[in-house]
């Protein structure tokens, strides 16, 4: 039962990430799923590290809001 609940939470989180605007989704995927540093992401995207940190913070706020409303 616990693994079923965990799988459901995982599914909800992935759906929430998929629902983010592309600019946020890219940052989340590269940072969390690809385990890249902000410096590495900066090279890929061409965005300054500070902007990436702000974008990640905003993405996490949006994800929390989405997941709390479910």
PDB file of N, CA and C in Angstrom:
ATOM      1  N   UNK A   1       0.827  -1.203   0.000  1.00  0.00           N
ATOM      2  CA  UNK A   1       0.000   0.000   0.000  1.00  0.00           C
ATOM      3  C   UNK A   1       0.864   1.257   0.000  1.00  0.00           C
ATOM      4  N   UNK A   2       1.959   1.247   0.748  1.00  0.00           N
ATOM      5  CA  UNK A   2       2.839   2.406   0.791  1.00  0.00           C
ATOM      6  C   UNK A   2       3.454   2.648  -0.579  1.00  0.00           C
ATOM      7  N   UNK A   3       3.869   1.576  -1.261  1.00  0.00           N
ATOM      8  CA  UNK A   3       4.478   1.758  -2.578  1.00  0.00           C
ATOM      9  C   UNK A   3       3.458   2.283  -3.581  1.00  0.00           C
ATOM     10  N   UNK A   4       2.185   1.903  -3.421  1.00  0.00           N
ATOM     11  CA  UNK A   4       1.130   2.419  -4.288  1.00  0.00           C
ATOM     12  C   UNK A   4       0.944   3.910  -4.050  1.00  0.00           C
ATOM     13  N   UNK A   5       0.950   4.326  -2.786  1.00  0.00           N
ATOM     14  CA  UNK A   5       0.815   5.746  -2.448  1.00  0.00           C
ATOM     15  C   UNK A   5       2.011   6.532  -2.975  1.00  0.00           C
ATOM     16  N   UNK A   6       3.193   5.978  -2.826  1.00  0.00           N
ATOM     17  CA  UNK A   6       4.405   6.638  -3.311  1.00  0.00           C
ATOM     18  C   UNK A   6       4.372   6.776  -4.831  1.00  0.00           C
ATOM     19  N   UNK A   7       3.932   5.742  -5.508  1.00  0.00           N
ATOM     20  CA  UNK A   7       3.823   5.783  -6.964  1.00  0.00           C
ATOM     21  C   UNK A   7       2.830   6.854  -7.397  1.00  0.00           C
ATOM     22  N   UNK A   8       1.739   6.981  -6.673  1.00  0.00           N
ATOM     23  CA  UNK A   8       0.730   7.997  -6.990  1.00  0.00           C
ATOM     24  C   UNK A   8       1.291   9.401  -6.774  1.00  0.00           C
ATOM     25  N   UNK A   9       2.027   9.603  -5.695  1.00  0.00           N
ATOM     26  CA  UNK A   9       2.649  10.911  -5.431  1.00  0.00           C
ATOM     27  C   UNK A   9       3.675  11.239  -6.512  1.00  0.00           C
ATOM     28  N   UNK A  10       4.417  10.244  -6.921  1.00  0.00           N
ATOM     29  CA  UNK A  10       5.413  10.420  -7.984  1.00  0.00           C
ATOM     30  C   UNK A  10       4.724  10.830  -9.283  1.00  0.00           C
ATOM     31  N   UNK A  11       3.646  10.164  -9.609  1.00  0.00           N
ATOM     32  CA  UNK A  11       2.888  10.474 -10.822  1.00  0.00           C
ATOM     33  C   UNK A  11       2.370  11.909 -10.775  1.00  0.00           C
ATOM     34  N   UNK A  12       1.812  12.312  -9.630  1.00  0.00           N
ATOM     35  CA  UNK A  12       1.292  13.670  -9.473  1.00  0.00           C
ATOM     36  C   UNK A  12       2.397  14.707  -9.633  1.00  0.00           C
ATOM     37  N   UNK A  13       3.562  14.426  -9.064  1.00  0.00           N
ATOM     38  CA  UNK A  13       4.689  15.353  -9.165  1.00  0.00           C
ATOM     39  C   UNK A  13       5.145  15.496 -10.615  1.00  0.00           C
ATOM     40  N   UNK A  14       5.237  14.386 -11.333  1.00  0.00           N
ATOM     41  CA  UNK A  14       5.644  14.441 -12.734  1.00  0.00           C
ATOM     42  C   UNK A  14       4.632  15.194 -13.582  1.00  0.00           C
ATOM     43  N   UNK A  15       3.342  14.994 -13.306  1.00  0.00           N
ATOM     44  CA  UNK A  15       2.300  15.724 -14.026  1.00  0.00           C
ATOM     45  C   UNK A  15       2.393  17.219 -13.742  1.00  0.00           C
ATOM     46  N   UNK A  16       2.657  17.556 -12.484  1.00  0.00           N
ATOM     47  CA  UNK A  16       2.787  18.966 -12.107  1.00  0.00           C
ATOM     48  C   UNK A  16       3.974  19.604 -12.831  1.00  0.00           C
ATOM     49  N   UNK A  17       5.095  18.902 -12.874  1.00  0.00           N
ATOM     50  CA  UNK A  17       6.274  19.416 -13.583  1.00  0.00           C
ATOM     51  C   UNK A  17       5.957  19.583 -15.062  1.00  0.00           C
ATOM     52  N   UNK A  18       5.275  18.615 -15.630  1.00  0.00           N
ATOM     53  CA  UNK A  18       4.926  18.671 -17.052  1.00  0.00           C
ATOM     54  C   UNK A  18       4.013  19.858 -17.353  1.00  0.00           C
ATOM     55  N   UNK A  19       3.237  20.279 -16.364  1.00  0.00           N
ATOM     56  CA  UNK A  19       2.322  21.391 -16.543  1.00  0.00           C
ATOM     57  C   UNK A  19       2.952  22.765 -16.384  1.00  0.00           C
ATOM     58  N   UNK A  20       4.202  22.799 -15.966  1.00  0.00           N
ATOM     59  CA  UNK A  20       4.890  24.084 -15.814  1.00  0.00           C
ATOM     60  C   UNK A  20       5.167  24.707 -17.171  1.00  0.00           C
ATOM     61  N   UNK A  21       5.235  26.046 -17.234  1.00  0.00           N
ATOM     62  CA  UNK A  21       5.701  26.676 -18.467  1.00  0.00           C
ATOM     63  C   UNK A  21       7.093  26.140 -18.815  1.00  0.00           C
ATOM     64  N   UNK A  22       7.377  26.038 -20.085  1.00  0.00           N
ATOM     65  CA  UNK A  22       8.609  25.404 -20.572  1.00  0.00           C
ATOM     66  C   UNK A  22       9.871  25.972 -19.929  1.00  0.00           C
ATOM     67  N   UNK A  23       9.918  27.276 -19.728  1.00  0.00           N
ATOM     68  CA  UNK A  23      11.107  27.908 -19.171  1.00  0.00           C
ATOM     69  C   UNK A  23      11.421  27.385 -17.760  1.00  0.00           C
ATOM     70  N   UNK A  24      10.377  27.101 -16.982  1.00  0.00           N
ATOM     71  CA  UNK A  24      10.567  26.553 -15.636  1.00  0.00           C
ATOM     72  C   UNK A  24      10.841  25.053 -15.694  1.00  0.00           C
ATOM     73  N   UNK A  25      10.104  24.382 -16.563  1.00  0.00           N
ATOM     74  CA  UNK A  25      10.260  22.925 -16.672  1.00  0.00           C
ATOM     75  C   UNK A  25      11.692  22.550 -17.049  1.00  0.00           C
ATOM     76  N   UNK A  26      12.260  23.282 -17.987  1.00  0.00           N
ATOM     77  CA  UNK A  26      13.630  23.004 -18.425  1.00  0.00           C
ATOM     78  C   UNK A  26      14.601  23.086 -17.242  1.00  0.00           C
ATOM     79  N   UNK A  27      14.469  24.132 -16.447  1.00  0.00           N
ATOM     80  CA  UNK A  27      15.364  24.318 -15.307  1.00  0.00           C
ATOM     81  C   UNK A  27      15.196  23.198 -14.287  1.00  0.00           C
ATOM     82  N   UNK A  28      13.949  22.845 -13.985  1.00  0.00           N
ATOM     83  CA  UNK A  28      13.676  21.782 -13.012  1.00  0.00           C
ATOM     84  C   UNK A  28      14.246  20.450 -13.502  1.00  0.00           C
ATOM     85  N   UNK A  29      13.988  20.122 -14.744  1.00  0.00           N
ATOM     86  CA  UNK A  29      14.451  18.835 -15.284  1.00  0.00           C
ATOM     87  C   UNK A  29      15.977  18.752 -15.262  1.00  0.00           C
ATOM     88  N   UNK A  30      16.635  19.810 -15.728  1.00  0.00           N
ATOM     89  CA  UNK A  30      18.095  19.775 -15.762  1.00  0.00           C
ATOM     90  C   UNK A  30      18.692  19.737 -14.354  1.00  0.00           C
ATOM     91  N   UNK A  31      18.114  20.507 -13.434  1.00  0.00           N
ATOM     92  CA  UNK A  31      18.669  20.591 -12.076  1.00  0.00           C
ATOM     93  C   UNK A  31      18.386  19.333 -11.268  1.00  0.00           C
ATOM     94  N   UNK A  32      17.146  18.870 -11.290  1.00  0.00           N
ATOM     95  CA  UNK A  32      16.752  17.744 -10.426  1.00  0.00           C
ATOM     96  C   UNK A  32      16.974  16.390 -11.092  1.00  0.00           C
ATOM     97  N   UNK A  33      16.464  16.219 -12.290  1.00  0.00           N
ATOM     98  CA  UNK A  33      16.527  14.901 -12.928  1.00  0.00           C
ATOM     99  C   UNK A  33      17.871  14.618 -13.582  1.00  0.00           C
ATOM    100  N   UNK A  34      18.500  15.642 -14.117  1.00  0.00           N
ATOM    101  CA  UNK A  34      19.811  15.464 -14.738  1.00  0.00           C
ATOM    102  C   UNK A  34      20.951  15.773 -13.763  1.00  0.00           C
ATOM    103  N   UNK A  35      20.610  16.249 -12.561  1.00  0.00           N
ATOM    104  CA  UNK A  35      21.562  16.541 -11.488  1.00  0.00           C
ATOM    105  C   UNK A  35      22.678  17.483 -11.946  1.00  0.00           C
ATOM    106  N   UNK A  36      22.299  18.489 -12.734  1.00  0.00           N
ATOM    107  CA  UNK A  36      23.282  19.453 -13.223  1.00  0.00           C
ATOM    108  C   UNK A  36      23.406  20.621 -12.254  1.00  0.00           C
ATOM    109  N   UNK A  37      24.574  21.204 -12.207  1.00  0.00           N
ATOM    110  CA  UNK A  37      24.780  22.411 -11.410  1.00  0.00           C
ATOM    111  C   UNK A  37      24.197  23.600 -12.170  1.00  0.00           C
ATOM    112  N   UNK A  38      24.011  24.703 -11.448  1.00  0.00           N
ATOM    113  CA  UNK A  38      23.524  25.907 -12.115  1.00  0.00           C
ATOM    114  C   UNK A  38      24.536  26.380 -13.162  1.00  0.00           C
ATOM    115  N   UNK A  39      25.814  26.194 -12.888  1.00  0.00           N
ATOM    116  CA  UNK A  39      26.849  26.575 -13.861  1.00  0.00           C
ATOM    117  C   UNK A  39      26.707  25.766 -15.155  1.00  0.00           C
ATOM    118  N   UNK A  40      26.452  24.472 -15.025  1.00  0.00           N
ATOM    119  CA  UNK A  40      26.271  23.625 -16.208  1.00  0.00           C
ATOM    120  C   UNK A  40      25.013  24.021 -16.980  1.00  0.00           C
ATOM    121  N   UNK A  41      23.951  24.308 -16.245  1.00  0.00           N
ATOM    122  CA  UNK A  41      22.700  24.712 -16.889  1.00  0.00           C
ATOM    123  C   UNK A  41      22.895  26.045 -17.606  1.00  0.00           C
ATOM    124  N   UNK A  42      23.664  26.932 -16.990  1.00  0.00           N
ATOM    125  CA  UNK A  42      23.943  28.231 -17.584  1.00  0.00           C
ATOM    126  C   UNK A  42      24.635  28.087 -18.942  1.00  0.00           C
ATOM    127  N   UNK A  43      25.549  27.149 -19.043  1.00  0.00           N
ATOM    128  CA  UNK A  43      26.245  26.907 -20.312  1.00  0.00           C
ATOM    129  C   UNK A  43      25.250  26.437 -21.372  1.00  0.00           C
ATOM    130  N   UNK A  44      24.330  25.574 -20.982  1.00  0.00           N
ATOM    131  CA  UNK A  44      23.352  25.020 -21.922  1.00  0.00           C
ATOM    132  C   UNK A  44      22.341  26.082 -22.367  1.00  0.00           C
ATOM    133  N   UNK A  45      21.817  26.834 -21.403  1.00  0.00           N
ATOM    134  CA  UNK A  45      20.729  27.765 -21.697  1.00  0.00           C
ATOM    135  C   UNK A  45      21.205  29.158 -22.096  1.00  0.00           C
ATOM    136  N   UNK A  46      22.422  29.502 -21.678  1.00  0.00           N
ATOM    137  CA  UNK A  46      22.916  30.843 -21.928  1.00  0.00           C
ATOM    138  C   UNK A  46      22.415  31.864 -20.925  1.00  0.00           C
ATOM    139  N   UNK A  47      21.690  31.400 -19.906  1.00  0.00           N
ATOM    140  CA  UNK A  47      21.151  32.295 -18.877  1.00  0.00           C
ATOM    141  C   UNK A  47      22.128  32.422 -17.715  1.00  0.00           C
ATOM    142  N   UNK A  48      22.185  33.596 -17.084  1.00  0.00           N
ATOM    143  CA  UNK A  48      23.053  33.764 -15.914  1.00  0.00           C
ATOM    144  C   UNK A  48      22.595  32.867 -14.755  1.00  0.00           C
ATOM    145  N   UNK A  49      23.534  32.471 -13.930  1.00  0.00           N
ATOM    146  CA  UNK A  49      23.243  31.587 -12.791  1.00  0.00           C
ATOM    147  C   UNK A  49      22.194  32.203 -11.875  1.00  0.00           C
ATOM    148  N   UNK A  50      22.304  33.491 -11.596  1.00  0.00           N
ATOM    149  CA  UNK A  50      21.324  34.146 -10.730  1.00  0.00           C
ATOM    150  C   UNK A  50      19.911  34.021 -11.263  1.00  0.00           C
ATOM    151  N   UNK A  51      19.753  34.191 -12.556  1.00  0.00           N
ATOM    152  CA  UNK A  51      18.428  34.056 -13.170  1.00  0.00           C
ATOM    153  C   UNK A  51      17.921  32.620 -13.053  1.00  0.00           C
ATOM    154  N   UNK A  52      18.810  31.664 -13.207  1.00  0.00           N
ATOM    155  CA  UNK A  52      18.411  30.258 -13.078  1.00  0.00           C
ATOM    156  C   UNK A  52      17.957  29.940 -11.658  1.00  0.00           C
ATOM    157  N   UNK A  53      18.640  30.495 -10.668  1.00  0.00           N
ATOM    158  CA  UNK A  53      18.249  30.274  -9.272  1.00  0.00           C
ATOM    159  C   UNK A  53      16.869  30.858  -8.995  1.00  0.00           C
ATOM    160  N   UNK A  54      16.624  32.054  -9.507  1.00  0.00           N
ATOM    161  CA  UNK A  54      15.308  32.689  -9.338  1.00  0.00           C
ATOM    162  C   UNK A  54      14.237  31.856 -10.041  1.00  0.00           C
ATOM    163  N   UNK A  55      14.557  31.396 -11.237  1.00  0.00           N
ATOM    164  CA  UNK A  55      13.610  30.580 -12.009  1.00  0.00           C
ATOM    165  C   UNK A  55      13.285  29.283 -11.271  1.00  0.00           C
ATOM    166  N   UNK A  56      14.311  28.654 -10.679  1.00  0.00           N
ATOM    167  CA  UNK A  56      14.088  27.415  -9.936  1.00  0.00           C
ATOM    168  C   UNK A  56      13.207  27.678  -8.725  1.00  0.00           C
ATOM    169  N   UNK A  57      13.463  28.758  -8.026  1.00  0.00           N
ATOM    170  CA  UNK A  57      12.653  29.121  -6.863  1.00  0.00           C
ATOM    171  C   UNK A  57      11.195  29.318  -7.274  1.00  0.00           C
ATOM    172  N   UNK A  58      10.982  30.024  -8.354  1.00  0.00           N
ATOM    173  CA  UNK A  58       9.618  30.263  -8.851  1.00  0.00           C
ATOM    174  C   UNK A  58       8.967  28.945  -9.278  1.00  0.00           C
ATOM    175  N   UNK A  59       9.720  28.087  -9.931  1.00  0.00           N
ATOM    176  CA  UNK A  59       9.184  26.787 -10.355  1.00  0.00           C
ATOM    177  C   UNK A  59       8.753  25.969  -9.145  1.00  0.00           C
ATOM    178  N   UNK A  60       9.563  25.958  -8.094  1.00  0.00           N
ATOM    179  CA  UNK A  60       9.214  25.188  -6.895  1.00  0.00           C
ATOM    180  C   UNK A  60       7.986  25.763  -6.216  1.00  0.00           C
ATOM    181  N   UNK A  61       7.848  27.093  -6.192  1.00  0.00           N
ATOM    182  CA  UNK A  61       6.642  27.719  -5.631  1.00  0.00           C
ATOM    183  C   UNK A  61       5.415  27.287  -6.417  1.00  0.00           C
ATOM    184  N   UNK A  62       5.534  27.301  -7.733  1.00  0.00           N
ATOM    185  CA  UNK A  62       4.405  26.889  -8.582  1.00  0.00           C
ATOM    186  C   UNK A  62       4.058  25.419  -8.366  1.00  0.00           C
ATOM    187  N   UNK A  63       5.074  24.583  -8.252  1.00  0.00           N
ATOM    188  CA  UNK A  63       4.829  23.156  -8.021  1.00  0.00           C
ATOM    189  C   UNK A  63       4.140  22.923  -6.681  1.00  0.00           C
ATOM    190  N   UNK A  64       4.612  23.623  -5.638  1.00  0.00           N
ATOM    191  CA  UNK A  64       3.967  23.491  -4.325  1.00  0.00           C
ATOM    192  C   UNK A  64       2.502  23.866  -4.406  1.00  0.00           C
ATOM    193  N   UNK A  65       2.233  24.965  -5.072  1.00  0.00           N
ATOM    194  CA  UNK A  65       0.846  25.439  -5.203  1.00  0.00           C
ATOM    195  C   UNK A  65      -0.024  24.405  -5.935  1.00  0.00           C
ATOM    196  N   UNK A  66       0.500  23.875  -7.016  1.00  0.00           N
ATOM    197  CA  UNK A  66      -0.234  22.864  -7.792  1.00  0.00           C
ATOM    198  C   UNK A  66      -0.494  21.627  -6.931  1.00  0.00           C
ATOM    199  N   UNK A  67       0.548  21.137  -6.267  1.00  0.00           N
ATOM    200  CA  UNK A  67       0.423  19.885  -5.505  1.00  0.00           C
ATOM    201  C   UNK A  67      -0.428  20.060  -4.246  1.00  0.00           C
ATOM    202  N   UNK A  68      -0.407  21.243  -3.652  1.00  0.00           N
ATOM    203  CA  UNK A  68      -1.239  21.491  -2.463  1.00  0.00           C
ATOM    204  C   UNK A  68      -2.707  21.608  -2.813  1.00  0.00           C
ATOM    205  N   UNK A  69      -3.007  22.005  -4.042  1.00  0.00           N
ATOM    206  CA  UNK A  69      -4.401  22.184  -4.436  1.00  0.00           C
ATOM    207  C   UNK A  69      -5.072  20.857  -4.829  1.00  0.00           C
ATOM    208  N   UNK A  70      -4.287  19.807  -4.925  1.00  0.00           N
ATOM    209  CA  UNK A  70      -4.856  18.501  -5.316  1.00  0.00           C
ATOM    210  C   UNK A  70      -5.407  17.765  -4.122  1.00  0.00           C
TER     211      UNK A  70
END
